[in-house]
N, C-alpha and C. Protein backbone atom coordinates (compact mmCIF):
# COMPACT_ATOMS: atom_id res chain seq x y z
N MET A 1 17.82 -22.83 11.79
CA MET A 1 16.63 -22.33 11.16
C MET A 1 15.74 -23.52 10.81
N ILE A 2 14.48 -23.33 11.04
CA ILE A 2 13.51 -24.37 10.72
C ILE A 2 12.55 -23.82 9.67
N GLU A 3 12.38 -24.59 8.60
CA GLU A 3 11.42 -24.26 7.56
C GLU A 3 10.54 -25.49 7.36
N ILE A 4 9.25 -25.25 7.19
CA ILE A 4 8.31 -26.36 7.04
C ILE A 4 7.53 -26.13 5.75
N TYR A 5 7.54 -27.14 4.88
CA TYR A 5 6.87 -27.04 3.58
C TYR A 5 5.90 -28.20 3.42
N LYS A 6 4.93 -27.98 2.56
CA LYS A 6 3.99 -29.06 2.27
C LYS A 6 3.42 -28.89 0.86
N THR A 7 3.30 -30.03 0.19
CA THR A 7 2.60 -30.07 -1.09
C THR A 7 1.21 -30.63 -0.80
N PHE A 8 0.19 -29.91 -1.21
CA PHE A 8 -1.18 -30.33 -0.98
C PHE A 8 -1.68 -31.16 -2.16
N GLU A 9 -2.77 -31.86 -1.97
CA GLU A 9 -3.32 -32.74 -3.00
C GLU A 9 -3.60 -32.02 -4.33
N ASN A 10 -3.92 -30.72 -4.25
CA ASN A 10 -4.19 -29.94 -5.47
C ASN A 10 -2.90 -29.49 -6.16
N GLY A 11 -1.73 -29.87 -5.61
CA GLY A 11 -0.45 -29.52 -6.21
C GLY A 11 0.16 -28.25 -5.67
N GLU A 12 -0.55 -27.55 -4.80
CA GLU A 12 -0.03 -26.31 -4.22
C GLU A 12 1.11 -26.64 -3.25
N PHE A 13 2.20 -25.90 -3.37
CA PHE A 13 3.37 -26.06 -2.50
C PHE A 13 3.54 -24.76 -1.73
N ARG A 14 3.58 -24.87 -0.40
CA ARG A 14 3.76 -23.64 0.37
C ARG A 14 4.43 -23.93 1.70
N GLU A 15 4.93 -22.85 2.29
CA GLU A 15 5.58 -22.93 3.60
C GLU A 15 4.52 -22.84 4.69
N LEU A 16 4.73 -23.62 5.76
CA LEU A 16 3.80 -23.66 6.88
C LEU A 16 4.45 -23.10 8.14
N GLU A 17 3.63 -22.72 9.08
CA GLU A 17 4.12 -22.26 10.39
C GLU A 17 4.45 -23.42 11.31
N ASN A 18 3.60 -24.46 11.26
CA ASN A 18 3.74 -25.61 12.15
C ASN A 18 3.72 -26.91 11.36
N PRO A 19 4.41 -27.92 11.87
CA PRO A 19 4.42 -29.21 11.17
C PRO A 19 3.03 -29.85 11.16
N GLU A 20 2.77 -30.58 10.09
CA GLU A 20 1.54 -31.36 9.99
C GLU A 20 1.83 -32.57 9.12
N LYS A 21 0.92 -33.49 9.08
CA LYS A 21 1.11 -34.74 8.34
C LYS A 21 1.53 -34.46 6.89
N ASP A 22 2.47 -35.26 6.41
CA ASP A 22 2.98 -35.21 5.04
C ASP A 22 3.74 -33.92 4.70
N CYS A 23 4.34 -33.30 5.70
CA CYS A 23 5.13 -32.10 5.44
C CYS A 23 6.61 -32.45 5.35
N TRP A 24 7.39 -31.46 4.97
CA TRP A 24 8.85 -31.56 4.95
C TRP A 24 9.38 -30.54 5.94
N ILE A 25 10.10 -31.02 6.93
CA ILE A 25 10.73 -30.14 7.92
C ILE A 25 12.20 -30.02 7.52
N CYS A 26 12.60 -28.82 7.17
CA CYS A 26 13.98 -28.58 6.73
C CYS A 26 14.71 -27.79 7.81
N LEU A 27 15.65 -28.46 8.48
CA LEU A 27 16.45 -27.83 9.52
C LEU A 27 17.81 -27.47 8.96
N THR A 28 18.16 -26.20 9.07
CA THR A 28 19.48 -25.74 8.63
C THR A 28 20.17 -25.11 9.82
N GLN A 29 21.27 -25.69 10.23
CA GLN A 29 22.02 -25.27 11.41
C GLN A 29 21.06 -25.00 12.58
N PRO A 30 20.30 -26.03 12.97
CA PRO A 30 19.27 -25.82 13.99
C PRO A 30 19.85 -25.59 15.38
N ASN A 31 19.14 -24.80 16.15
CA ASN A 31 19.53 -24.61 17.55
C ASN A 31 18.79 -25.65 18.40
N ALA A 32 19.07 -25.66 19.70
CA ALA A 32 18.48 -26.66 20.60
C ALA A 32 16.96 -26.56 20.65
N GLU A 33 16.45 -25.34 20.61
CA GLU A 33 14.99 -25.14 20.66
C GLU A 33 14.30 -25.73 19.42
N GLU A 34 14.90 -25.55 18.26
CA GLU A 34 14.32 -26.09 17.02
C GLU A 34 14.37 -27.61 17.02
N ILE A 35 15.46 -28.17 17.50
CA ILE A 35 15.58 -29.63 17.59
C ILE A 35 14.53 -30.17 18.56
N ALA A 36 14.34 -29.49 19.67
CA ALA A 36 13.33 -29.93 20.65
C ALA A 36 11.92 -29.85 20.05
N ARG A 37 11.67 -28.82 19.26
CA ARG A 37 10.36 -28.67 18.62
C ARG A 37 10.08 -29.84 17.67
N VAL A 38 11.09 -30.20 16.88
CA VAL A 38 10.92 -31.31 15.94
C VAL A 38 10.80 -32.63 16.70
N TYR A 39 11.57 -32.77 17.76
CA TYR A 39 11.46 -33.98 18.59
C TYR A 39 10.05 -34.12 19.16
N ASP A 40 9.49 -33.03 19.66
CA ASP A 40 8.15 -33.08 20.23
C ASP A 40 7.11 -33.52 19.21
N TYR A 41 7.29 -33.11 17.95
CA TYR A 41 6.32 -33.48 16.91
C TYR A 41 6.53 -34.91 16.40
N THR A 42 7.80 -35.33 16.28
CA THR A 42 8.09 -36.58 15.59
C THR A 42 8.55 -37.74 16.47
N ASN A 43 9.05 -37.45 17.66
CA ASN A 43 9.66 -38.46 18.54
C ASN A 43 10.92 -39.08 17.93
N VAL A 44 11.54 -38.39 17.00
CA VAL A 44 12.81 -38.86 16.43
C VAL A 44 13.90 -38.53 17.45
N ASP A 45 14.75 -39.52 17.72
CA ASP A 45 15.84 -39.36 18.68
C ASP A 45 16.64 -38.09 18.39
N VAL A 46 16.96 -37.34 19.43
CA VAL A 46 17.71 -36.09 19.29
C VAL A 46 19.07 -36.34 18.64
N ASP A 47 19.72 -37.45 18.97
CA ASP A 47 21.02 -37.77 18.35
C ASP A 47 20.87 -37.95 16.83
N ALA A 48 19.77 -38.52 16.40
CA ALA A 48 19.53 -38.67 14.96
C ALA A 48 19.33 -37.31 14.31
N LEU A 49 18.63 -36.42 15.01
CA LEU A 49 18.41 -35.07 14.47
C LEU A 49 19.71 -34.27 14.39
N ARG A 50 20.66 -34.62 15.26
CA ARG A 50 21.96 -33.91 15.28
C ARG A 50 23.04 -34.62 14.46
N ALA A 51 22.73 -35.77 13.90
CA ALA A 51 23.74 -36.61 13.24
C ALA A 51 24.53 -35.86 12.17
N SER A 52 23.88 -35.09 11.35
CA SER A 52 24.58 -34.45 10.23
C SER A 52 25.20 -33.11 10.61
N LEU A 53 25.13 -32.74 11.88
CA LEU A 53 25.69 -31.45 12.29
C LEU A 53 27.18 -31.55 12.59
N ASP A 54 27.74 -32.74 12.48
CA ASP A 54 29.18 -32.94 12.59
C ASP A 54 29.74 -33.02 11.17
N GLU A 55 30.63 -32.10 10.82
CA GLU A 55 31.17 -32.05 9.45
C GLU A 55 31.86 -33.36 9.05
N GLU A 56 32.32 -34.11 10.03
CA GLU A 56 33.05 -35.36 9.74
C GLU A 56 32.13 -36.59 9.71
N GLU A 57 30.84 -36.38 9.84
CA GLU A 57 29.89 -37.51 9.84
C GLU A 57 29.97 -38.26 8.51
N LYS A 58 30.03 -39.57 8.58
CA LYS A 58 30.10 -40.41 7.39
C LYS A 58 28.69 -40.82 6.95
N ALA A 59 28.55 -41.10 5.68
CA ALA A 59 27.27 -41.54 5.13
C ALA A 59 26.90 -42.90 5.73
N HIS A 60 25.66 -43.02 6.14
CA HIS A 60 25.17 -44.29 6.69
C HIS A 60 23.65 -44.28 6.77
N ILE A 61 23.11 -45.45 7.09
CA ILE A 61 21.65 -45.62 7.26
C ILE A 61 21.40 -46.27 8.62
N GLU A 62 20.39 -45.76 9.30
CA GLU A 62 19.95 -46.37 10.56
C GLU A 62 18.44 -46.58 10.46
N ILE A 63 17.99 -47.77 10.79
CA ILE A 63 16.55 -48.06 10.77
C ILE A 63 16.11 -48.29 12.21
N GLU A 64 15.21 -47.46 12.66
CA GLU A 64 14.65 -47.55 14.01
C GLU A 64 13.17 -47.91 13.90
N ASP A 65 12.52 -48.07 15.04
CA ASP A 65 11.10 -48.45 15.05
C ASP A 65 10.20 -47.40 14.41
N ASN A 66 10.46 -46.11 14.70
CA ASN A 66 9.54 -45.07 14.23
C ASN A 66 10.12 -44.15 13.16
N TYR A 67 11.35 -44.43 12.70
CA TYR A 67 11.94 -43.60 11.64
C TYR A 67 13.11 -44.32 10.99
N THR A 68 13.48 -43.81 9.81
CA THR A 68 14.68 -44.26 9.12
C THR A 68 15.56 -43.05 8.89
N LEU A 69 16.82 -43.17 9.27
CA LEU A 69 17.80 -42.09 9.11
C LEU A 69 18.75 -42.44 7.99
N LEU A 70 18.91 -41.53 7.07
CA LEU A 70 19.84 -41.68 5.96
C LEU A 70 20.74 -40.45 5.96
N VAL A 71 22.04 -40.65 6.19
CA VAL A 71 22.99 -39.54 6.14
C VAL A 71 23.79 -39.68 4.85
N ILE A 72 23.79 -38.62 4.05
CA ILE A 72 24.52 -38.62 2.77
C ILE A 72 25.46 -37.43 2.74
N ASP A 73 26.45 -37.50 1.86
CA ASP A 73 27.34 -36.37 1.60
C ASP A 73 26.82 -35.65 0.38
N VAL A 74 26.61 -34.36 0.51
CA VAL A 74 26.09 -33.54 -0.58
C VAL A 74 27.20 -32.59 -1.04
N PRO A 75 27.41 -32.47 -2.35
CA PRO A 75 28.45 -31.57 -2.84
C PRO A 75 28.03 -30.11 -2.72
N ASP A 76 28.99 -29.29 -2.43
CA ASP A 76 28.76 -27.85 -2.37
C ASP A 76 30.11 -27.18 -2.61
N TYR A 77 30.15 -25.90 -2.49
CA TYR A 77 31.42 -25.20 -2.63
C TYR A 77 31.44 -23.97 -1.73
N GLU A 78 32.66 -23.58 -1.41
CA GLU A 78 32.90 -22.35 -0.67
C GLU A 78 33.65 -21.43 -1.60
N THR A 79 33.44 -20.15 -1.47
CA THR A 79 34.23 -19.20 -2.25
C THR A 79 35.23 -18.53 -1.32
N GLU A 80 36.43 -18.35 -1.83
CA GLU A 80 37.46 -17.66 -1.06
C GLU A 80 38.17 -16.68 -1.98
N LEU A 81 38.67 -15.62 -1.39
CA LEU A 81 39.35 -14.59 -2.16
C LEU A 81 40.85 -14.88 -2.17
N VAL A 82 41.39 -15.13 -3.37
CA VAL A 82 42.82 -15.41 -3.53
C VAL A 82 43.38 -14.38 -4.50
N LYS A 83 44.25 -13.53 -4.02
CA LYS A 83 44.85 -12.47 -4.84
C LYS A 83 43.77 -11.66 -5.56
N LYS A 84 42.77 -11.25 -4.81
CA LYS A 84 41.67 -10.42 -5.29
C LYS A 84 40.78 -11.11 -6.33
N VAL A 85 40.90 -12.42 -6.44
CA VAL A 85 40.06 -13.19 -7.35
C VAL A 85 39.29 -14.22 -6.53
N GLU A 86 37.98 -14.31 -6.78
CA GLU A 86 37.15 -15.27 -6.07
C GLU A 86 37.38 -16.67 -6.65
N LYS A 87 37.74 -17.60 -5.79
CA LYS A 87 37.99 -18.99 -6.20
C LYS A 87 36.98 -19.90 -5.50
N LYS A 88 36.52 -20.91 -6.24
CA LYS A 88 35.63 -21.92 -5.67
C LYS A 88 36.46 -23.04 -5.07
N ARG A 89 36.06 -23.48 -3.91
CA ARG A 89 36.68 -24.64 -3.28
C ARG A 89 35.57 -25.65 -3.08
N TYR A 90 35.66 -26.79 -3.75
CA TYR A 90 34.62 -27.80 -3.71
C TYR A 90 34.72 -28.60 -2.42
N ILE A 91 33.58 -28.80 -1.79
CA ILE A 91 33.51 -29.52 -0.51
C ILE A 91 32.30 -30.46 -0.55
N THR A 92 32.21 -31.29 0.47
CA THR A 92 30.99 -32.06 0.69
C THR A 92 30.56 -31.81 2.13
N MET A 93 29.27 -31.92 2.35
CA MET A 93 28.76 -31.77 3.71
C MET A 93 27.69 -32.82 3.95
N PRO A 94 27.62 -33.31 5.19
CA PRO A 94 26.61 -34.31 5.50
C PRO A 94 25.21 -33.69 5.57
N VAL A 95 24.25 -34.41 5.05
CA VAL A 95 22.84 -34.03 5.15
C VAL A 95 22.09 -35.27 5.63
N ALA A 96 21.28 -35.07 6.66
CA ALA A 96 20.46 -36.17 7.17
C ALA A 96 19.08 -36.09 6.54
N ILE A 97 18.59 -37.23 6.12
CA ILE A 97 17.21 -37.35 5.63
C ILE A 97 16.54 -38.36 6.55
N ILE A 98 15.51 -37.89 7.23
CA ILE A 98 14.82 -38.75 8.20
C ILE A 98 13.37 -38.92 7.73
N SER A 99 12.99 -40.16 7.56
CA SER A 99 11.63 -40.46 7.12
C SER A 99 10.84 -41.05 8.28
N THR A 100 9.72 -40.41 8.59
CA THR A 100 8.81 -40.92 9.62
C THR A 100 7.45 -41.17 8.97
N LYS A 101 6.53 -41.69 9.74
CA LYS A 101 5.18 -41.89 9.20
C LYS A 101 4.50 -40.56 8.92
N GLU A 102 4.85 -39.54 9.68
CA GLU A 102 4.20 -38.24 9.54
C GLU A 102 4.85 -37.33 8.51
N CYS A 103 6.18 -37.39 8.39
CA CYS A 103 6.86 -36.38 7.57
C CYS A 103 8.26 -36.82 7.14
N ILE A 104 8.89 -35.94 6.36
CA ILE A 104 10.31 -36.07 5.99
C ILE A 104 11.03 -34.92 6.68
N ILE A 105 12.19 -35.21 7.24
CA ILE A 105 13.00 -34.19 7.89
C ILE A 105 14.36 -34.19 7.23
N THR A 106 14.87 -33.02 6.88
CA THR A 106 16.26 -32.91 6.43
C THR A 106 16.99 -32.00 7.41
N VAL A 107 18.25 -32.36 7.69
CA VAL A 107 19.06 -31.59 8.62
C VAL A 107 20.42 -31.38 8.00
N SER A 108 20.87 -30.12 7.97
CA SER A 108 22.20 -29.82 7.42
C SER A 108 22.81 -28.62 8.12
N LEU A 109 24.12 -28.50 7.97
CA LEU A 109 24.85 -27.38 8.57
C LEU A 109 24.63 -26.06 7.84
N SER A 110 24.38 -26.14 6.54
CA SER A 110 24.13 -24.92 5.77
C SER A 110 23.15 -25.22 4.65
N ASP A 111 22.64 -24.16 4.08
CA ASP A 111 21.68 -24.30 2.99
C ASP A 111 22.42 -24.81 1.76
N THR A 112 22.04 -25.97 1.26
CA THR A 112 22.75 -26.58 0.13
C THR A 112 22.01 -26.34 -1.18
N ASN A 113 22.76 -26.37 -2.27
CA ASN A 113 22.15 -26.22 -3.59
C ASN A 113 21.11 -27.30 -3.85
N VAL A 114 21.38 -28.50 -3.39
CA VAL A 114 20.48 -29.63 -3.63
C VAL A 114 19.11 -29.36 -3.00
N LEU A 115 19.08 -28.94 -1.75
CA LEU A 115 17.81 -28.71 -1.06
C LEU A 115 17.14 -27.41 -1.51
N ARG A 116 17.94 -26.43 -1.91
CA ARG A 116 17.39 -25.15 -2.36
C ARG A 116 16.45 -25.33 -3.55
N VAL A 117 16.76 -26.27 -4.41
CA VAL A 117 15.92 -26.55 -5.58
C VAL A 117 14.52 -26.97 -5.14
N PHE A 118 14.45 -27.80 -4.11
CA PHE A 118 13.15 -28.26 -3.62
C PHE A 118 12.38 -27.12 -2.94
N LYS A 119 13.10 -26.30 -2.19
CA LYS A 119 12.45 -25.18 -1.48
C LYS A 119 11.83 -24.18 -2.44
N SER A 120 12.39 -24.07 -3.62
CA SER A 120 11.88 -23.08 -4.58
C SER A 120 10.46 -23.40 -5.03
N GLY A 121 10.07 -24.67 -4.95
CA GLY A 121 8.73 -25.06 -5.35
C GLY A 121 8.53 -25.14 -6.85
N ARG A 122 9.61 -25.00 -7.61
CA ARG A 122 9.51 -25.02 -9.07
C ARG A 122 9.88 -26.35 -9.69
N LEU A 123 10.08 -27.35 -8.86
CA LEU A 123 10.50 -28.66 -9.33
C LEU A 123 9.28 -29.49 -9.73
N ARG A 124 9.33 -30.02 -10.94
CA ARG A 124 8.22 -30.86 -11.41
C ARG A 124 8.16 -32.18 -10.65
N ASP A 125 6.97 -32.67 -10.47
CA ASP A 125 6.74 -33.98 -9.85
C ASP A 125 7.35 -34.11 -8.46
N PHE A 126 7.34 -33.02 -7.70
CA PHE A 126 7.83 -33.05 -6.32
C PHE A 126 6.65 -32.88 -5.38
N TYR A 127 6.47 -33.88 -4.52
CA TYR A 127 5.37 -33.86 -3.56
C TYR A 127 5.90 -34.31 -2.21
N THR A 128 5.66 -33.53 -1.18
CA THR A 128 6.15 -33.89 0.15
C THR A 128 5.45 -35.12 0.70
N TYR A 129 4.26 -35.43 0.22
CA TYR A 129 3.53 -36.59 0.73
C TYR A 129 3.98 -37.89 0.06
N LYS A 130 4.80 -37.81 -0.98
CA LYS A 130 5.38 -39.00 -1.60
C LYS A 130 6.82 -39.13 -1.10
N LYS A 131 6.95 -39.68 0.10
CA LYS A 131 8.22 -39.66 0.83
C LYS A 131 9.35 -40.42 0.11
N THR A 132 9.07 -41.62 -0.35
CA THR A 132 10.12 -42.41 -1.02
C THR A 132 10.58 -41.70 -2.27
N ARG A 133 9.65 -41.18 -3.03
CA ARG A 133 9.98 -40.45 -4.26
C ARG A 133 10.82 -39.21 -3.92
N PHE A 134 10.46 -38.50 -2.87
CA PHE A 134 11.19 -37.31 -2.43
C PHE A 134 12.63 -37.68 -2.10
N ILE A 135 12.82 -38.75 -1.35
CA ILE A 135 14.18 -39.19 -0.99
C ILE A 135 14.97 -39.55 -2.25
N LEU A 136 14.35 -40.26 -3.18
CA LEU A 136 15.03 -40.62 -4.43
C LEU A 136 15.38 -39.36 -5.24
N GLN A 137 14.50 -38.36 -5.22
CA GLN A 137 14.79 -37.12 -5.93
C GLN A 137 15.97 -36.38 -5.29
N ILE A 138 16.06 -36.40 -3.97
CA ILE A 138 17.21 -35.78 -3.30
C ILE A 138 18.49 -36.51 -3.70
N LEU A 139 18.45 -37.85 -3.70
CA LEU A 139 19.62 -38.64 -4.08
C LEU A 139 20.01 -38.38 -5.54
N TYR A 140 19.02 -38.29 -6.41
CA TYR A 140 19.28 -38.02 -7.83
C TYR A 140 19.92 -36.63 -8.00
N ARG A 141 19.37 -35.63 -7.33
CA ARG A 141 19.92 -34.27 -7.41
C ARG A 141 21.34 -34.23 -6.87
N THR A 142 21.60 -35.00 -5.83
CA THR A 142 22.94 -35.07 -5.25
C THR A 142 23.92 -35.67 -6.25
N ALA A 143 23.54 -36.78 -6.87
CA ALA A 143 24.41 -37.43 -7.86
C ALA A 143 24.66 -36.51 -9.05
N THR A 144 23.61 -35.83 -9.51
CA THR A 144 23.74 -34.90 -10.63
C THR A 144 24.68 -33.76 -10.28
N SER A 145 24.56 -33.26 -9.07
CA SER A 145 25.42 -32.16 -8.62
C SER A 145 26.88 -32.61 -8.55
N PHE A 146 27.12 -33.84 -8.06
CA PHE A 146 28.49 -34.37 -8.05
C PHE A 146 29.06 -34.41 -9.47
N LEU A 147 28.27 -34.91 -10.42
CA LEU A 147 28.73 -35.01 -11.81
C LEU A 147 29.01 -33.63 -12.41
N GLN A 148 28.15 -32.66 -12.14
CA GLN A 148 28.38 -31.29 -12.65
C GLN A 148 29.67 -30.72 -12.08
N ASN A 149 29.89 -30.93 -10.79
CA ASN A 149 31.12 -30.43 -10.17
C ASN A 149 32.35 -31.12 -10.75
N LEU A 150 32.26 -32.43 -10.98
CA LEU A 150 33.39 -33.16 -11.57
C LEU A 150 33.71 -32.65 -12.98
N ARG A 151 32.67 -32.37 -13.77
CA ARG A 151 32.90 -31.81 -15.12
C ARG A 151 33.58 -30.46 -15.03
N THR A 152 33.14 -29.62 -14.11
CA THR A 152 33.74 -28.29 -13.93
C THR A 152 35.20 -28.43 -13.51
N ILE A 153 35.47 -29.30 -12.55
CA ILE A 153 36.84 -29.52 -12.09
C ILE A 153 37.70 -30.04 -13.24
N ASN A 154 37.16 -30.95 -14.04
CA ASN A 154 37.89 -31.51 -15.18
C ASN A 154 38.25 -30.42 -16.20
N ARG A 155 37.27 -29.55 -16.51
CA ARG A 155 37.53 -28.45 -17.45
C ARG A 155 38.61 -27.51 -16.92
N GLU A 156 38.52 -27.17 -15.62
CA GLU A 156 39.52 -26.29 -15.02
C GLU A 156 40.90 -26.95 -15.02
N SER A 157 40.94 -28.24 -14.76
CA SER A 157 42.20 -28.98 -14.75
C SER A 157 42.84 -28.99 -16.15
N GLU A 158 42.01 -29.22 -17.18
CA GLU A 158 42.52 -29.21 -18.55
C GLU A 158 43.02 -27.83 -18.95
N ALA A 159 42.34 -26.78 -18.52
CA ALA A 159 42.79 -25.42 -18.83
C ALA A 159 44.13 -25.13 -18.17
N ILE A 160 44.31 -25.60 -16.95
CA ILE A 160 45.59 -25.41 -16.25
C ILE A 160 46.69 -26.19 -16.97
N GLU A 161 46.38 -27.42 -17.41
CA GLU A 161 47.37 -28.22 -18.16
C GLU A 161 47.78 -27.50 -19.44
N ASP A 162 46.81 -26.93 -20.16
CA ASP A 162 47.12 -26.20 -21.39
C ASP A 162 48.03 -25.01 -21.10
N ARG A 163 47.72 -24.27 -20.03
CA ARG A 163 48.56 -23.12 -19.67
C ARG A 163 49.97 -23.56 -19.28
N MET A 164 50.06 -24.71 -18.62
CA MET A 164 51.38 -25.22 -18.23
C MET A 164 52.18 -25.62 -19.46
N GLN A 165 51.54 -26.21 -20.46
CA GLN A 165 52.22 -26.58 -21.70
C GLN A 165 52.81 -25.33 -22.36
N ILE A 166 52.00 -24.27 -22.46
CA ILE A 166 52.46 -23.03 -23.07
C ILE A 166 53.59 -22.44 -22.25
N SER A 167 53.45 -22.45 -20.95
CA SER A 167 54.46 -21.90 -20.06
C SER A 167 55.78 -22.65 -20.22
N GLN A 168 55.71 -23.98 -20.31
CA GLN A 168 56.93 -24.77 -20.47
C GLN A 168 57.60 -24.46 -21.80
N LYS A 169 56.81 -24.28 -22.86
CA LYS A 169 57.39 -23.97 -24.17
C LYS A 169 58.05 -22.60 -24.13
N ASN A 170 57.43 -21.64 -23.48
CA ASN A 170 58.03 -20.31 -23.36
C ASN A 170 59.34 -20.37 -22.60
N SER A 171 59.38 -21.14 -21.51
CA SER A 171 60.61 -21.21 -20.73
C SER A 171 61.72 -21.89 -21.53
N GLU A 172 61.37 -22.88 -22.37
CA GLU A 172 62.37 -23.53 -23.21
C GLU A 172 62.93 -22.55 -24.24
N ILE A 173 62.05 -21.74 -24.81
CA ILE A 173 62.51 -20.74 -25.79
C ILE A 173 63.43 -19.74 -25.12
N ILE A 174 63.04 -19.29 -23.93
CA ILE A 174 63.88 -18.34 -23.19
C ILE A 174 65.22 -18.98 -22.85
N GLU A 175 65.21 -20.26 -22.47
CA GLU A 175 66.42 -20.97 -22.13
C GLU A 175 67.35 -21.06 -23.35
N ILE A 176 66.80 -21.38 -24.51
CA ILE A 176 67.60 -21.47 -25.74
C ILE A 176 68.15 -20.09 -26.07
N HIS A 177 67.34 -19.06 -25.94
CA HIS A 177 67.76 -17.69 -26.22
C HIS A 177 68.91 -17.28 -25.29
N GLU A 178 68.79 -17.63 -24.02
CA GLU A 178 69.82 -17.31 -23.03
C GLU A 178 71.10 -18.06 -23.37
N PHE A 179 70.98 -19.30 -23.82
CA PHE A 179 72.14 -20.11 -24.15
C PHE A 179 72.89 -19.51 -25.35
N LYS A 180 72.15 -19.02 -26.35
CA LYS A 180 72.77 -18.44 -27.53
C LYS A 180 73.48 -17.14 -27.20
N LYS A 181 73.01 -16.42 -26.21
CA LYS A 181 73.63 -15.16 -25.83
C LYS A 181 75.00 -15.40 -25.18
N SER A 182 75.16 -16.49 -24.52
CA SER A 182 76.41 -16.70 -23.79
C SER A 182 77.51 -17.29 -24.61
């Protein structure tokens, strides 16, 4: 899927049909036709546009003549049903951020929480024409999301530890009770 957004000088943020200068091209699980369309507009190497579509892609930076590619790992989660209860499984996925003279391009395998915030258009001080600032905001949101997930995991871990403590005490009491019976 290809989505194109732009912040105009008057502060208006809206989705566009076609790419234009200072826009943000957001590719989510793009097909070959969408990649070709972006290539035609930007001349960014097709391999760079596909870089983050491999789940095992590692974070790195590549600087070319007409663009800079930054691949980062963004935190996300999957939900799975375990014994009729929905459980979160925390994961990371690669996201490519490509900066050209004309625009910013992001490429990912799925719609991430980090990028969804920008798409909503409700983020203060977000402008697609301020490319460096936009990249720093993505990195900041990514770091913040990692920290939020770590806090959640820590709280869940402590709750499990507390339940294990209680469980161990109960088993000790049962063991003493069983011993007295014999």
